[in-house]
């Protein structure tokens, strides 16, 4: 078994839970909260990062304060489904700053895309000036979200 696949122990889970709550916590405070020495906590956290359990740290921005209060879920169907078409669409989609998440999915459509926009006018601009300039889109369907019931950046451990 490689270290990347090593089983997580209770100390690992405590560290990750604390970092999910506050990734800016100092190592000294983190160590105290999880009941470890600062050196052991530092080493354990670095190992979790090295093993890929912790992929990074981010600042969560308020879309509403940034003028992008509306979240739209967009279903997209492509004309073609070969590897090149999927790769090209995925790469171009990833370049659009309004796109928060994009998934290649199974089912009736090919992609589920989550975008942040400034109202219906902002969404129309996004469609005309950005999304529909990507070649190969056969069909799309949009849903404006009314309210977010739950949003977490990662699975909770």
Protein backbone atom coordinates (compact mmCIF):
# COMPACT_ATOMS: atom_id res chain seq x y z
CA UNK A 1 0.00 0.00 0.00
CA UNK A 2 1.44 3.40 -0.95
CA UNK A 3 1.38 6.31 1.47
CA UNK A 4 -1.19 8.03 -0.76
CA UNK A 5 -3.63 5.24 0.03
CA UNK A 6 -2.82 4.88 3.69
CA UNK A 7 -5.87 4.74 5.91
CA UNK A 8 -6.72 7.94 7.74
CA UNK A 9 -6.56 7.75 11.50
CA UNK A 10 -8.55 9.80 14.03
CA UNK A 11 -5.77 12.44 14.27
CA UNK A 12 -5.83 12.95 10.49
CA UNK A 13 -9.59 13.43 10.60
CA UNK A 14 -9.35 15.91 13.48
CA UNK A 15 -6.78 17.96 11.59
CA UNK A 16 -8.84 18.01 8.41
CA UNK A 17 -12.05 18.92 10.30
CA UNK A 18 -10.31 21.86 11.97
CA UNK A 19 -8.82 23.06 8.69
CA UNK A 20 -12.23 22.85 7.00
CA UNK A 21 -13.59 25.15 9.68
CA UNK A 22 -10.67 27.60 9.52
CA UNK A 23 -7.81 27.01 7.09
CA UNK A 24 -6.05 30.11 8.40
CA UNK A 25 -5.60 28.68 11.89
CA UNK A 26 -1.98 28.80 13.08
CA UNK A 27 -0.17 25.51 13.46
CA UNK A 28 0.14 26.15 17.22
CA UNK A 29 -3.63 26.63 17.58
CA UNK A 30 -4.33 23.66 15.32
CA UNK A 31 -2.03 21.45 17.36
CA UNK A 32 -3.75 22.52 20.58
CA UNK A 33 -7.22 21.88 19.14
CA UNK A 34 -6.32 18.34 17.97
CA UNK A 35 -4.23 17.44 21.02
CA UNK A 36 -0.81 17.12 19.36
CA UNK A 37 2.57 18.77 19.67
CA UNK A 38 3.20 21.55 17.17
CA UNK A 39 5.92 19.56 15.41
CA UNK A 40 3.79 16.40 15.12
CA UNK A 41 0.82 18.45 13.89
CA UNK A 42 2.96 20.30 11.33
CA UNK A 43 4.39 17.01 10.02
CA UNK A 44 0.99 15.32 9.92
CA UNK A 45 -0.58 18.26 8.05
CA UNK A 46 2.25 18.32 5.51
CA UNK A 47 1.85 14.55 5.04
CA UNK A 48 -1.90 14.99 4.39
CA UNK A 49 -1.01 17.61 1.78
CA UNK A 50 1.69 15.42 0.24
CA UNK A 51 -0.63 12.42 0.12
CA UNK A 52 -3.25 14.50 -1.68
CA UNK A 53 -5.91 14.46 1.03
CA UNK A 54 -5.57 18.23 1.34
CA UNK A 55 -5.40 19.68 -2.17
CA UNK A 56 -5.09 23.34 -1.24
CA UNK A 57 -6.46 26.29 0.66
CA UNK A 58 -8.80 28.93 -0.75
CA UNK A 59 -10.64 32.12 0.15
CA UNK A 60 -14.40 31.81 -0.36
CA UNK A 61 -15.67 34.96 -2.03
CA UNK A 62 -19.15 36.44 -1.70
CA UNK A 63 -20.66 36.41 -5.21
CA UNK A 64 -23.40 38.83 -4.23
CA UNK A 65 -20.94 41.46 -3.01
CA UNK A 66 -18.99 40.98 -6.24
CA UNK A 67 -22.11 41.76 -8.29
CA UNK A 68 -22.66 38.17 -9.41
CA UNK A 69 -25.58 37.28 -7.17
CA UNK A 70 -27.40 34.98 -9.57
CA UNK A 71 -26.40 31.35 -9.94
CA UNK A 72 -27.52 29.54 -13.07
CA UNK A 73 -27.35 25.80 -13.68
CA UNK A 74 -26.87 25.13 -17.35
CA UNK A 75 -27.31 21.82 -19.16
CA UNK A 76 -25.31 21.59 -22.38
CA UNK A 77 -25.49 19.01 -25.15
CA UNK A 78 -22.75 18.85 -27.77
CA UNK A 79 -23.03 17.98 -31.46
CA UNK A 80 -20.27 15.38 -31.20
CA UNK A 81 -18.99 13.18 -28.41
CA UNK A 82 -15.54 12.14 -29.55
CA UNK A 83 -12.54 12.70 -27.28
CA UNK A 84 -11.37 15.80 -29.17
CA UNK A 85 -14.77 17.51 -29.02
CA UNK A 86 -15.14 16.81 -25.30
CA UNK A 87 -11.59 17.95 -24.52
CA UNK A 88 -11.94 21.13 -26.58
CA UNK A 89 -15.27 22.09 -25.02
CA UNK A 90 -13.99 21.34 -21.51
CA UNK A 91 -10.84 23.40 -22.02
CA UNK A 92 -12.73 26.40 -23.42
CA UNK A 93 -15.34 26.21 -20.68
CA UNK A 94 -12.62 26.18 -18.02
CA UNK A 95 -11.36 29.54 -19.32
CA UNK A 96 -14.64 31.35 -18.63
CA UNK A 97 -14.45 33.20 -15.29
CA UNK A 98 -18.23 33.02 -14.72
CA UNK A 99 -18.05 29.22 -14.66
CA UNK A 100 -17.81 28.05 -11.06
CA UNK A 101 -18.14 24.32 -11.71
CA UNK A 102 -18.50 22.14 -14.78
CA UNK A 103 -19.17 18.43 -14.92
CA UNK A 104 -19.18 15.94 -17.79
CA UNK A 105 -22.26 13.88 -16.90
CA UNK A 106 -24.24 10.86 -17.97
CA UNK A 107 -27.85 11.17 -19.01
CA UNK A 108 -29.79 13.38 -21.41
CA UNK A 109 -27.17 16.12 -21.68
CA UNK A 110 -23.38 16.13 -21.71
CA UNK A 111 -22.40 18.85 -19.24
CA UNK A 112 -23.83 20.42 -16.13
CA UNK A 113 -22.35 23.87 -15.65
CA UNK A 114 -22.76 26.24 -12.69
CA UNK A 115 -22.24 29.93 -13.51
CA UNK A 116 -22.39 33.16 -11.49
CA UNK A 117 -23.89 36.14 -13.32
CA UNK A 118 -25.44 39.55 -12.72
CA UNK A 119 -29.11 38.87 -13.40
CA UNK A 120 -30.78 37.95 -16.65
CA UNK A 121 -28.90 40.66 -18.57
CA UNK A 122 -25.59 39.30 -17.28
CA UNK A 123 -26.63 35.79 -18.22
CA UNK A 124 -27.64 36.87 -21.72
CA UNK A 125 -24.22 38.53 -22.14
CA UNK A 126 -22.50 35.37 -20.90
CA UNK A 127 -24.43 33.26 -23.43
CA UNK A 128 -23.98 35.55 -26.44
CA UNK A 129 -20.44 36.76 -25.81
CA UNK A 130 -18.85 33.66 -24.33
CA UNK A 131 -20.66 30.33 -24.17
CA UNK A 132 -22.22 30.34 -27.64
CA UNK A 133 -18.87 31.26 -29.18
CA UNK A 134 -17.63 27.79 -28.23
CA UNK A 135 -18.07 25.57 -31.27
CA UNK A 136 -20.04 22.34 -31.08
CA UNK A 137 -22.97 23.19 -28.81
CA UNK A 138 -26.18 21.61 -30.07
CA UNK A 139 -28.53 22.53 -27.23
CA UNK A 140 -28.56 24.17 -23.82
CA UNK A 141 -31.13 24.59 -21.09
CA UNK A 142 -30.88 26.98 -18.13
CA UNK A 143 -32.26 27.12 -14.62
CA UNK A 144 -31.84 30.16 -12.38
CA UNK A 145 -31.46 29.07 -8.78
CA UNK A 146 -33.87 30.62 -6.29
CA UNK A 147 -32.06 29.87 -3.05
CA UNK A 148 -29.07 27.80 -1.99
CA UNK A 149 -30.08 25.23 0.60
CA UNK A 150 -26.57 23.92 1.24
CA UNK A 151 -23.14 24.79 -0.04
CA UNK A 152 -19.87 23.34 1.20
CA UNK A 153 -16.54 23.50 -0.62
CA UNK A 154 -15.61 19.91 0.17
CA UNK A 155 -16.96 16.75 1.73
CA UNK A 156 -16.99 16.97 5.49
CA UNK A 157 -14.91 14.37 7.29
